[in-house]
PDB file of N, CA and C in Angstrom:
ATOM      1  N   MET A   1     -53.300 100.749  51.682  1.00  0.00           N
ATOM      2  CA  MET A   1     -54.640 100.259  51.897  1.00  0.00           C
ATOM      3  C   MET A   1     -55.674 101.201  51.298  1.00  0.00           C
ATOM      4  N   ARG A   2     -55.243 102.374  50.892  1.00  0.00           N
ATOM      5  CA  ARG A   2     -56.194 103.325  50.358  1.00  0.00           C
ATOM      6  C   ARG A   2     -56.804 102.822  49.063  1.00  0.00           C
ATOM      7  N   ASP A   3     -56.031 102.050  48.294  1.00  0.00           N
ATOM      8  CA  ASP A   3     -56.568 101.541  47.042  1.00  0.00           C
ATOM      9  C   ASP A   3     -57.418 100.296  47.242  1.00  0.00           C
ATOM     10  N   ARG A   4     -57.367  99.666  48.442  1.00  0.00           N
ATOM     11  CA  ARG A   4     -58.187  98.489  48.747  1.00  0.00           C
ATOM     12  C   ARG A   4     -58.758  98.606  50.156  1.00  0.00           C
ATOM     13  N   PRO A   5     -59.858  99.366  50.320  1.00  0.00           N
ATOM     14  CA  PRO A   5     -60.403  99.566  51.672  1.00  0.00           C
ATOM     15  C   PRO A   5     -60.887  98.282  52.323  1.00  0.00           C
ATOM     16  N   GLU A   6     -61.263  97.287  51.522  1.00  0.00           N
ATOM     17  CA  GLU A   6     -61.715  96.026  52.132  1.00  0.00           C
ATOM     18  C   GLU A   6     -60.580  95.322  52.863  1.00  0.00           C
ATOM     19  N   ALA A   7     -59.347  95.562  52.460  1.00  0.00           N
ATOM     20  CA  ALA A   7     -58.208  94.970  53.173  1.00  0.00           C
ATOM     21  C   ALA A   7     -58.095  95.563  54.570  1.00  0.00           C
ATOM     22  N   GLY A   8     -58.366  96.858  54.711  1.00  0.00           N
ATOM     23  CA  GLY A   8     -58.342  97.477  56.036  1.00  0.00           C
ATOM     24  C   GLY A   8     -59.426  96.932  56.944  1.00  0.00           C
ATOM     25  N   LEU A   9     -60.611  96.721  56.377  1.00  0.00           N
ATOM     26  CA  LEU A   9     -61.698  96.145  57.180  1.00  0.00           C
ATOM     27  C   LEU A   9     -61.390  94.709  57.581  1.00  0.00           C
ATOM     28  N   LEU A  10     -60.762  93.954  56.679  1.00  0.00           N
ATOM     29  CA  LEU A  10     -60.369  92.580  57.017  1.00  0.00           C
ATOM     30  C   LEU A  10     -59.325  92.587  58.128  1.00  0.00           C
ATOM     31  N   ALA A  11     -58.345  93.485  58.029  1.00  0.00           N
ATOM     32  CA  ALA A  11     -57.330  93.581  59.080  1.00  0.00           C
ATOM     33  C   ALA A  11     -57.954  93.963  60.415  1.00  0.00           C
ATOM     34  N   GLY A  12     -58.915  94.886  60.397  1.00  0.00           N
ATOM     35  CA  GLY A  12     -59.598  95.263  61.630  1.00  0.00           C
ATOM     36  C   GLY A  12     -60.397  94.112  62.219  1.00  0.00           C
ATOM     37  N   ALA A  13     -61.056  93.349  61.347  1.00  0.00           N
ATOM     38  CA  ALA A  13     -61.826  92.193  61.829  1.00  0.00           C
ATOM     39  C   ALA A  13     -60.906  91.121  62.402  1.00  0.00           C
ATOM     40  N   LEU A  14     -59.764  90.904  61.771  1.00  0.00           N
ATOM     41  CA  LEU A  14     -58.814  89.918  62.293  1.00  0.00           C
ATOM     42  C   LEU A  14     -58.201  90.390  63.609  1.00  0.00           C
ATOM     43  N   ALA A  15     -58.006  91.698  63.746  1.00  0.00           N
ATOM     44  CA  ALA A  15     -57.476  92.231  65.004  1.00  0.00           C
ATOM     45  C   ALA A  15     -58.482  92.081  66.138  1.00  0.00           C
ATOM     46  N   CYS A  16     -59.755  91.896  65.813  1.00  0.00           N
ATOM     47  CA  CYS A  16     -60.791  91.691  66.837  1.00  0.00           C
ATOM     48  C   CYS A  16     -60.753  90.285  67.430  1.00  0.00           C
ATOM     49  N   LEU A  17     -60.087  89.359  66.781  1.00  0.00           N
ATOM     50  CA  LEU A  17     -60.094  87.981  67.275  1.00  0.00           C
ATOM     51  C   LEU A  17     -59.458  87.813  68.659  1.00  0.00           C
ATOM     52  N   PRO A  18     -58.257  88.371  68.926  1.00  0.00           N
ATOM     53  CA  PRO A  18     -57.696  88.192  70.282  1.00  0.00           C
ATOM     54  C   PRO A  18     -58.575  88.748  71.396  1.00  0.00           C
ATOM     55  N   PRO A  19     -59.144  89.986  71.284  1.00  0.00           N
ATOM     56  CA  PRO A  19     -60.017  90.424  72.372  1.00  0.00           C
ATOM     57  C   PRO A  19     -61.269  89.574  72.496  1.00  0.00           C
ATOM     58  N   ALA A  20     -61.769  89.066  71.379  1.00  0.00           N
ATOM     59  CA  ALA A  20     -62.952  88.202  71.454  1.00  0.00           C
ATOM     60  C   ALA A  20     -62.608  86.890  72.150  1.00  0.00           C
ATOM     61  N   MET A  21     -61.446  86.340  71.845  1.00  0.00           N
ATOM     62  CA  MET A  21     -61.032  85.094  72.516  1.00  0.00           C
ATOM     63  C   MET A  21     -60.792  85.325  73.999  1.00  0.00           C
ATOM     64  N   LEU A  22     -60.167  86.461  74.335  1.00  0.00           N
ATOM     65  CA  LEU A  22     -59.973  86.771  75.751  1.00  0.00           C
ATOM     66  C   LEU A  22     -61.308  86.998  76.454  1.00  0.00           C
ATOM     67  N   GLY A  23     -62.266  87.566  75.728  1.00  0.00           N
ATOM     68  CA  GLY A  23     -63.605  87.725  76.292  1.00  0.00           C
ATOM     69  C   GLY A  23     -64.240  86.381  76.595  1.00  0.00           C
ATOM     70  N   TRP A  24     -64.050  85.424  75.689  1.00  0.00           N
ATOM     71  CA  TRP A  24     -64.582  84.079  75.922  1.00  0.00           C
ATOM     72  C   TRP A  24     -63.899  83.448  77.134  1.00  0.00           C
ATOM     73  N   VAL A  25     -62.584  83.599  77.237  1.00  0.00           N
ATOM     74  CA  VAL A  25     -61.854  83.054  78.393  1.00  0.00           C
ATOM     75  C   VAL A  25     -62.372  83.687  79.674  1.00  0.00           C
ATOM     76  N   GLY A  26     -62.561  84.999  79.655  1.00  0.00           N
ATOM     77  CA  GLY A  26     -63.061  85.679  80.849  1.00  0.00           C
ATOM     78  C   GLY A  26     -64.452  85.242  81.231  1.00  0.00           C
ATOM     79  N   MET A  27     -65.326  85.066  80.239  1.00  0.00           N
ATOM     80  CA  MET A  27     -66.699  84.658  80.543  1.00  0.00           C
ATOM     81  C   MET A  27     -66.763  83.189  80.968  1.00  0.00           C
ATOM     82  N   THR A  28     -65.774  82.401  80.577  1.00  0.00           N
ATOM     83  CA  THR A  28     -65.779  80.973  80.904  1.00  0.00           C
ATOM     84  C   THR A  28     -65.096  80.675  82.239  1.00  0.00           C
ATOM     85  N   PHE A  29     -63.957  81.298  82.480  1.00  0.00           N
ATOM     86  CA  PHE A  29     -63.131  80.897  83.622  1.00  0.00           C
ATOM     87  C   PHE A  29     -63.092  81.896  84.771  1.00  0.00           C
ATOM     88  N   VAL A  30     -63.719  83.052  84.626  1.00  0.00           N
ATOM     89  CA  VAL A  30     -63.714  84.054  85.692  1.00  0.00           C
ATOM     90  C   VAL A  30     -65.076  84.045  86.366  1.00  0.00           C
ATOM     91  N   ALA A  31     -65.066  84.047  87.685  1.00  0.00           N
ATOM     92  CA  ALA A  31     -66.319  84.061  88.434  1.00  0.00           C
ATOM     93  C   ALA A  31     -67.066  85.369  88.163  1.00  0.00           C
ATOM     94  N   PRO A  32     -68.413  85.325  88.167  1.00  0.00           N
ATOM     95  CA  PRO A  32     -69.184  86.551  87.918  1.00  0.00           C
ATOM     96  C   PRO A  32     -68.815  87.640  88.921  1.00  0.00           C
ATOM     97  N   GLY A  33     -68.722  88.827  88.423  1.00  0.00           N
ATOM     98  CA  GLY A  33     -68.385  89.963  89.279  1.00  0.00           C
ATOM     99  C   GLY A  33     -67.751  91.067  88.471  1.00  0.00           C
ATOM    100  N   LEU A  34     -67.068  91.949  89.187  1.00  0.00           N
ATOM    101  CA  LEU A  34     -66.486  93.139  88.570  1.00  0.00           C
ATOM    102  C   LEU A  34     -65.389  92.800  87.562  1.00  0.00           C
ATOM    103  N   LEU A  35     -64.545  91.822  87.867  1.00  0.00           N
ATOM    104  CA  LEU A  35     -63.471  91.467  86.941  1.00  0.00           C
ATOM    105  C   LEU A  35     -64.025  90.886  85.647  1.00  0.00           C
ATOM    106  N   ARG A  36     -65.045  90.076  85.748  1.00  0.00           N
ATOM    107  CA  ARG A  36     -65.651  89.479  84.553  1.00  0.00           C
ATOM    108  C   ARG A  36     -66.316  90.558  83.691  1.00  0.00           C
ATOM    109  N   THR A  37     -67.058  91.453  84.330  1.00  0.00           N
ATOM    110  CA  THR A  37     -67.724  92.523  83.598  1.00  0.00           C
ATOM    111  C   THR A  37     -66.712  93.476  82.982  1.00  0.00           C
ATOM    112  N   GLY A  38     -65.693  93.840  83.744  1.00  0.00           N
ATOM    113  CA  GLY A  38     -64.657  94.742  83.234  1.00  0.00           C
ATOM    114  C   GLY A  38     -63.901  94.138  82.066  1.00  0.00           C
ATOM    115  N   GLY A  39     -63.593  92.848  82.144  1.00  0.00           N
ATOM    116  CA  GLY A  39     -62.912  92.180  81.038  1.00  0.00           C
ATOM    117  C   GLY A  39     -63.763  92.147  79.782  1.00  0.00           C
ATOM    118  N   ALA A  40     -65.062  91.890  79.956  1.00  0.00           N
ATOM    119  CA  ALA A  40     -65.959  91.866  78.798  1.00  0.00           C
ATOM    120  C   ALA A  40     -66.101  93.257  78.183  1.00  0.00           C
ATOM    121  N   LEU A  41     -66.207  94.289  79.021  1.00  0.00           N
ATOM    122  CA  LEU A  41     -66.307  95.656  78.507  1.00  0.00           C
ATOM    123  C   LEU A  41     -65.023  96.089  77.803  1.00  0.00           C
ATOM    124  N   ALA A  42     -63.878  95.742  78.375  1.00  0.00           N
ATOM    125  CA  ALA A  42     -62.605  96.087  77.735  1.00  0.00           C
ATOM    126  C   ALA A  42     -62.478  95.379  76.391  1.00  0.00           C
ATOM    127  N   GLY A  43     -62.940  94.140  76.318  1.00  0.00           N
ATOM    128  CA  GLY A  43     -62.915  93.419  75.051  1.00  0.00           C
ATOM    129  C   GLY A  43     -63.820  94.054  74.011  1.00  0.00           C
ATOM    130  N   ALA A  44     -64.980  94.520  74.441  1.00  0.00           N
ATOM    131  CA  ALA A  44     -65.894  95.186  73.507  1.00  0.00           C
ATOM    132  C   ALA A  44     -65.295  96.495  72.996  1.00  0.00           C
ATOM    133  N   VAL A  45     -64.661  97.252  73.888  1.00  0.00           N
ATOM    134  CA  VAL A  45     -64.010  98.496  73.473  1.00  0.00           C
ATOM    135  C   VAL A  45     -62.877  98.197  72.487  1.00  0.00           C
ATOM    136  N   ALA A  46     -62.093  97.163  72.781  1.00  0.00           N
ATOM    137  CA  ALA A  46     -60.986  96.805  71.889  1.00  0.00           C
ATOM    138  C   ALA A  46     -61.497  96.389  70.518  1.00  0.00           C
ATOM    139  N   CYS A  47     -62.545  95.585  70.478  1.00  0.00           N
ATOM    140  CA  CYS A  47     -63.102  95.158  69.186  1.00  0.00           C
ATOM    141  C   CYS A  47     -63.603  96.350  68.384  1.00  0.00           C
ATOM    142  N   CYS A  48     -64.321  97.251  69.026  1.00  0.00           N
ATOM    143  CA  CYS A  48     -64.821  98.437  68.318  1.00  0.00           C
ATOM    144  C   CYS A  48     -63.668  99.311  67.830  1.00  0.00           C
ATOM    145  N   ALA A  49     -62.640  99.473  68.656  1.00  0.00           N
ATOM    146  CA  ALA A  49     -61.496 100.295  68.258  1.00  0.00           C
ATOM    147  C   ALA A  49     -60.761  99.675  67.078  1.00  0.00           C
ATOM    148  N   PHE A  50     -60.604  98.349  67.085  1.00  0.00           N
ATOM    149  CA  PHE A  50     -59.911  97.702  65.970  1.00  0.00           C
ATOM    150  C   PHE A  50     -60.737  97.753  64.690  1.00  0.00           C
ATOM    151  N   LEU A  51     -62.051  97.661  64.802  1.00  0.00           N
ATOM    152  CA  LEU A  51     -62.887  97.812  63.606  1.00  0.00           C
ATOM    153  C   LEU A  51     -62.796  99.241  63.068  1.00  0.00           C
ATOM    154  N   ALA A  52     -62.795 100.224  63.968  1.00  0.00           N
ATOM    155  CA  ALA A  52     -62.631 101.610  63.532  1.00  0.00           C
ATOM    156  C   ALA A  52     -61.248 101.828  62.924  1.00  0.00           C
ATOM    157  N   MET A  53     -60.237 101.168  63.483  1.00  0.00           N
ATOM    158  CA  MET A  53     -58.892 101.257  62.926  1.00  0.00           C
ATOM    159  C   MET A  53     -58.882 100.736  61.494  1.00  0.00           C
ATOM    160  N   GLY A  54     -59.539  99.612  61.260  1.00  0.00           N
ATOM    161  CA  GLY A  54     -59.611  99.067  59.910  1.00  0.00           C
ATOM    162  C   GLY A  54     -60.370  99.972  58.960  1.00  0.00           C
ATOM    163  N   ALA A  55     -61.413 100.624  59.471  1.00  0.00           N
ATOM    164  CA  ALA A  55     -62.197 101.519  58.612  1.00  0.00           C
ATOM    165  C   ALA A  55     -61.415 102.777  58.249  1.00  0.00           C
ATOM    166  N   THR A  56     -60.537 103.236  59.138  1.00  0.00           N
ATOM    167  CA  THR A  56     -59.750 104.432  58.844  1.00  0.00           C
ATOM    168  C   THR A  56     -58.462 104.117  58.106  1.00  0.00           C
ATOM    169  N   ALA A  57     -58.200 102.851  57.825  1.00  0.00           N
ATOM    170  CA  ALA A  57     -56.970 102.489  57.116  1.00  0.00           C
ATOM    171  C   ALA A  57     -56.955 103.053  55.704  1.00  0.00           C
ATOM    172  N   ARG A  58     -58.098 103.444  55.187  1.00  0.00           N
ATOM    173  CA  ARG A  58     -58.128 104.007  53.841  1.00  0.00           C
ATOM    174  C   ARG A  58     -57.411 105.352  53.783  1.00  0.00           C
ATOM    175  N   GLY A  59     -57.129 105.961  54.919  1.00  0.00           N
ATOM    176  CA  GLY A  59     -56.397 107.211  54.946  1.00  0.00           C
ATOM    177  C   GLY A  59     -54.891 107.037  55.011  1.00  0.00           C
ATOM    178  N   LEU A  60     -54.414 105.793  55.085  1.00  0.00           N
ATOM    179  CA  LEU A  60     -52.977 105.554  55.140  1.00  0.00           C
ATOM    180  C   LEU A  60     -52.334 105.909  53.805  1.00  0.00           C
ATOM    181  N   PRO A  61     -51.083 106.333  53.828  1.00  0.00           N
ATOM    182  CA  PRO A  61     -50.424 106.671  52.570  1.00  0.00           C
ATOM    183  C   PRO A  61     -50.205 105.435  51.706  1.00  0.00           C
ATOM    184  N   LEU A  62     -50.185 105.658  50.407  1.00  0.00           N
ATOM    185  CA  LEU A  62     -49.880 104.580  49.478  1.00  0.00           C
ATOM    186  C   LEU A  62     -48.399 104.234  49.576  1.00  0.00           C
ATOM    187  N   ALA A  63     -48.012 103.081  49.062  1.00  0.00           N
ATOM    188  CA  ALA A  63     -46.618 102.662  49.111  1.00  0.00           C
ATOM    189  C   ALA A  63     -45.747 103.701  48.409  1.00  0.00           C
ATOM    190  N   GLY A  64     -44.713 104.153  49.096  1.00  0.00           N
ATOM    191  CA  GLY A  64     -43.813 105.141  48.535  1.00  0.00           C
ATOM    192  C   GLY A  64     -44.265 106.574  48.719  1.00  0.00           C
ATOM    193  N   GLU A  65     -45.464 106.796  49.207  1.00  0.00           N
ATOM    194  CA  GLU A  65     -45.984 108.143  49.400  1.00  0.00           C
ATOM    195  C   GLU A  65     -45.602 108.648  50.789  1.00  0.00           C
ATOM    196  N   VAL A  66     -45.157 109.876  50.866  1.00  0.00           N
ATOM    197  CA  VAL A  66     -44.777 110.480  52.145  1.00  0.00           C
ATOM    198  C   VAL A  66     -45.743 111.626  52.428  1.00  0.00           C
ATOM    199  N   PRO A  67     -46.405 111.623  53.592  1.00  0.00           N
ATOM    200  CA  PRO A  67     -47.284 112.750  53.910  1.00  0.00           C
ATOM    201  C   PRO A  67     -46.490 114.058  53.917  1.00  0.00           C
ATOM    202  N   THR A  68     -47.074 115.102  53.366  1.00  0.00           N
ATOM    203  CA  THR A  68     -46.342 116.356  53.206  1.00  0.00           C
ATOM    204  C   THR A  68     -46.291 117.178  54.478  1.00  0.00           C
ATOM    205  N   CYS A  69     -47.259 117.060  55.339  1.00  0.00           N
ATOM    206  CA  CYS A  69     -47.297 117.882  56.540  1.00  0.00           C
ATOM    207  C   CYS A  69     -47.589 117.011  57.749  1.00  0.00           C
ATOM    208  N   TRP A  70     -46.758 117.100  58.758  1.00  0.00           N
ATOM    209  CA  TRP A  70     -46.935 116.273  59.947  1.00  0.00           C
ATOM    210  C   TRP A  70     -48.223 116.623  60.684  1.00  0.00           C
ATOM    211  N   ILE A  71     -48.603 117.903  60.697  1.00  0.00           N
ATOM    212  CA  ILE A  71     -49.800 118.331  61.421  1.00  0.00           C
ATOM    213  C   ILE A  71     -51.053 117.737  60.778  1.00  0.00           C
ATOM    214  N   ASN A  72     -51.094 117.706  59.481  1.00  0.00           N
ATOM    215  CA  ASN A  72     -52.266 117.192  58.779  1.00  0.00           C
ATOM    216  C   ASN A  72     -52.073 115.759  58.307  1.00  0.00           C
ATOM    217  N   ARG A  73     -51.300 114.995  59.029  1.00  0.00           N
ATOM    218  CA  ARG A  73     -51.040 113.640  58.564  1.00  0.00           C
ATOM    219  C   ARG A  73     -52.318 112.820  58.556  1.00  0.00           C
ATOM    220  N   THR A  74     -52.395 111.988  57.571  1.00  0.00           N
ATOM    221  CA  THR A  74     -53.624 111.222  57.367  1.00  0.00           C
ATOM    222  C   THR A  74     -53.696 109.995  58.255  1.00  0.00           C
ATOM    223  N   THR A  75     -52.615 109.646  58.931  1.00  0.00           N
ATOM    224  CA  THR A  75     -52.618 108.436  59.745  1.00  0.00           C
ATOM    225  C   THR A  75     -53.083 108.676  61.173  1.00  0.00           C
ATOM    226  N   ALA A  76     -53.380 109.926  61.554  1.00  0.00           N
ATOM    227  CA  ALA A  76     -53.737 110.221  62.943  1.00  0.00           C
ATOM    228  C   ALA A  76     -54.939 109.418  63.439  1.00  0.00           C
ATOM    229  N   PRO A  77     -56.064 109.327  62.703  1.00  0.00           N
ATOM    230  CA  PRO A  77     -57.175 108.513  63.219  1.00  0.00           C
ATOM    231  C   PRO A  77     -56.813 107.040  63.335  1.00  0.00           C
ATOM    232  N   TYR A  78     -56.078 106.527  62.375  1.00  0.00           N
ATOM    233  CA  TYR A  78     -55.655 105.122  62.414  1.00  0.00           C
ATOM    234  C   TYR A  78     -54.805 104.858  63.648  1.00  0.00           C
ATOM    235  N   ASP A  79     -53.818 105.739  63.894  1.00  0.00           N
ATOM    236  CA  ASP A  79     -52.949 105.573  65.059  1.00  0.00           C
ATOM    237  C   ASP A  79     -53.733 105.668  66.364  1.00  0.00           C
ATOM    238  N   ARG A  80     -54.659 106.610  66.422  1.00  0.00           N
ATOM    239  CA  ARG A  80     -55.455 106.795  67.640  1.00  0.00           C
ATOM    240  C   ARG A  80     -56.273 105.540  67.946  1.00  0.00           C
ATOM    241  N   TRP A  81     -56.943 104.983  66.935  1.00  0.00           N
ATOM    242  CA  TRP A  81     -57.741 103.777  67.161  1.00  0.00           C
ATOM    243  C   TRP A  81     -56.849 102.581  67.461  1.00  0.00           C
ATOM    244  N   SER A  82     -55.685 102.528  66.842  1.00  0.00           N
ATOM    245  CA  SER A  82     -54.755 101.435  67.098  1.00  0.00           C
ATOM    246  C   SER A  82     -54.300 101.434  68.557  1.00  0.00           C
ATOM    247  N   TRP A  83     -53.921 102.601  69.075  1.00  0.00           N
ATOM    248  CA  TRP A  83     -53.482 102.686  70.463  1.00  0.00           C
ATOM    249  C   TRP A  83     -54.636 102.480  71.442  1.00  0.00           C
ATOM    250  N   THR A  84     -55.821 102.938  71.095  1.00  0.00           N
ATOM    251  CA  THR A  84     -56.984 102.706  71.950  1.00  0.00           C
ATOM    252  C   THR A  84     -57.266 101.213  72.059  1.00  0.00           C
ATOM    253  N   GLY A  85     -57.252 100.515  70.928  1.00  0.00           N
ATOM    254  CA  GLY A  85     -57.487  99.065  70.935  1.00  0.00           C
ATOM    255  C   GLY A  85     -56.419  98.316  71.713  1.00  0.00           C
ATOM    256  N   ALA A  86     -55.163  98.702  71.508  1.00  0.00           N
ATOM    257  CA  ALA A  86     -54.074  98.026  72.219  1.00  0.00           C
ATOM    258  C   ALA A  86     -54.169  98.263  73.724  1.00  0.00           C
ATOM    259  N   GLY A  87     -54.519  99.476  74.121  1.00  0.00           N
ATOM    260  CA  GLY A  87     -54.680  99.764  75.547  1.00  0.00           C
ATOM    261  C   GLY A  87     -55.833  99.000  76.166  1.00  0.00           C
ATOM    262  N   ALA A  88     -56.935  98.885  75.428  1.00  0.00           N
ATOM    263  CA  ALA A  88     -58.085  98.133  75.938  1.00  0.00           C
ATOM    264  C   ALA A  88     -57.753  96.648  76.066  1.00  0.00           C
ATOM    265  N   VAL A  89     -56.973  96.110  75.122  1.00  0.00           N
ATOM    266  CA  VAL A  89     -56.565  94.702  75.221  1.00  0.00           C
ATOM    267  C   VAL A  89     -55.656  94.511  76.429  1.00  0.00           C
ATOM    268  N   ALA A  90     -54.762  95.458  76.695  1.00  0.00           N
ATOM    269  CA  ALA A  90     -53.891  95.348  77.870  1.00  0.00           C
ATOM    270  C   ALA A  90     -54.706  95.344  79.157  1.00  0.00           C
ATOM    271  N   VAL A  91     -55.700  96.226  79.235  1.00  0.00           N
ATOM    272  CA  VAL A  91     -56.580  96.246  80.416  1.00  0.00           C
ATOM    273  C   VAL A  91     -57.343  94.925  80.523  1.00  0.00           C
ATOM    274  N   GLN A  92     -57.815  94.418  79.389  1.00  0.00           N
ATOM    275  CA  GLN A  92     -58.558  93.167  79.388  1.00  0.00           C
ATOM    276  C   GLN A  92     -57.682  92.006  79.861  1.00  0.00           C
ATOM    277  N   ILE A  93     -56.440  91.966  79.419  1.00  0.00           N
ATOM    278  CA  ILE A  93     -55.528  90.901  79.840  1.00  0.00           C
ATOM    279  C   ILE A  93     -55.320  90.941  81.347  1.00  0.00           C
ATOM    280  N   VAL A  94     -55.122  92.126  81.892  1.00  0.00           N
ATOM    281  CA  VAL A  94     -54.919  92.260  83.341  1.00  0.00           C
ATOM    282  C   VAL A  94     -56.165  91.803  84.088  1.00  0.00           C
ATOM    283  N   LEU A  95     -57.343  92.255  83.673  1.00  0.00           N
ATOM    284  CA  LEU A  95     -58.579  91.887  84.382  1.00  0.00           C
ATOM    285  C   LEU A  95     -58.858  90.391  84.305  1.00  0.00           C
ATOM    286  N   VAL A  96     -58.681  89.819  83.119  1.00  0.00           N
ATOM    287  CA  VAL A  96     -58.926  88.374  82.976  1.00  0.00           C
ATOM    288  C   VAL A  96     -57.907  87.573  83.787  1.00  0.00           C
ATOM    289  N   SER A  97     -56.641  88.014  83.768  1.00  0.00           N
ATOM    290  CA  SER A  97     -55.617  87.306  84.537  1.00  0.00           C
ATOM    291  C   SER A  97     -55.908  87.362  86.031  1.00  0.00           C
ATOM    292  N   LEU A  98     -56.297  88.525  86.515  1.00  0.00           N
ATOM    293  CA  LEU A  98     -56.649  88.633  87.927  1.00  0.00           C
ATOM    294  C   LEU A  98     -57.861  87.773  88.261  1.00  0.00           C
ATOM    295  N   GLY A  99     -58.830  87.760  87.353  1.00  0.00           N
ATOM    296  CA  GLY A  99     -60.029  86.954  87.594  1.00  0.00           C
ATOM    297  C   GLY A  99     -59.757  85.467  87.592  1.00  0.00           C
ATOM    298  N   VAL A 100     -58.911  85.009  86.680  1.00  0.00           N
ATOM    299  CA  VAL A 100     -58.568  83.587  86.630  1.00  0.00           C
ATOM    300  C   VAL A 100     -57.750  83.210  87.864  1.00  0.00           C
ATOM    301  N   ALA A 101     -56.841  84.097  88.280  1.00  0.00           N
ATOM    302  CA  ALA A 101     -56.037  83.809  89.469  1.00  0.00           C
ATOM    303  C   ALA A 101     -56.890  83.769  90.725  1.00  0.00           C
ATOM    304  N   ALA A 102     -57.937  84.572  90.766  1.00  0.00           N
ATOM    305  CA  ALA A 102     -58.799  84.610  91.955  1.00  0.00           C
ATOM    306  C   ALA A 102     -59.800  83.461  91.982  1.00  0.00           C
ATOM    307  N   ALA A 103     -60.046  82.838  90.845  1.00  0.00           N
ATOM    308  CA  ALA A 103     -61.058  81.772  90.787  1.00  0.00           C
ATOM    309  C   ALA A 103     -60.550  80.482  91.384  1.00  0.00           C
TER     310      ALA A 103
END
């Protein structure tokens, strides 16, 4: 992705779709309160993390390239944002599910 940074941004934008859809489900089917607010906040965090993940994809190695040093690996920011986004989506799924079950 280093040779095509727009592909990383597109991937990040596409990764934002599931948290945005879950945010819509939460705002539509969950009664107002803590679960609805928490689900919306988790979705916003996930969307921002996935966009940041796409922006840092330009640091990924090219095809066939192996990073020379594990400590200075270029994928660390990408991995960090990827795991942050995935964790926020997991929290969002739990909050929305609890909210829908309680409604």
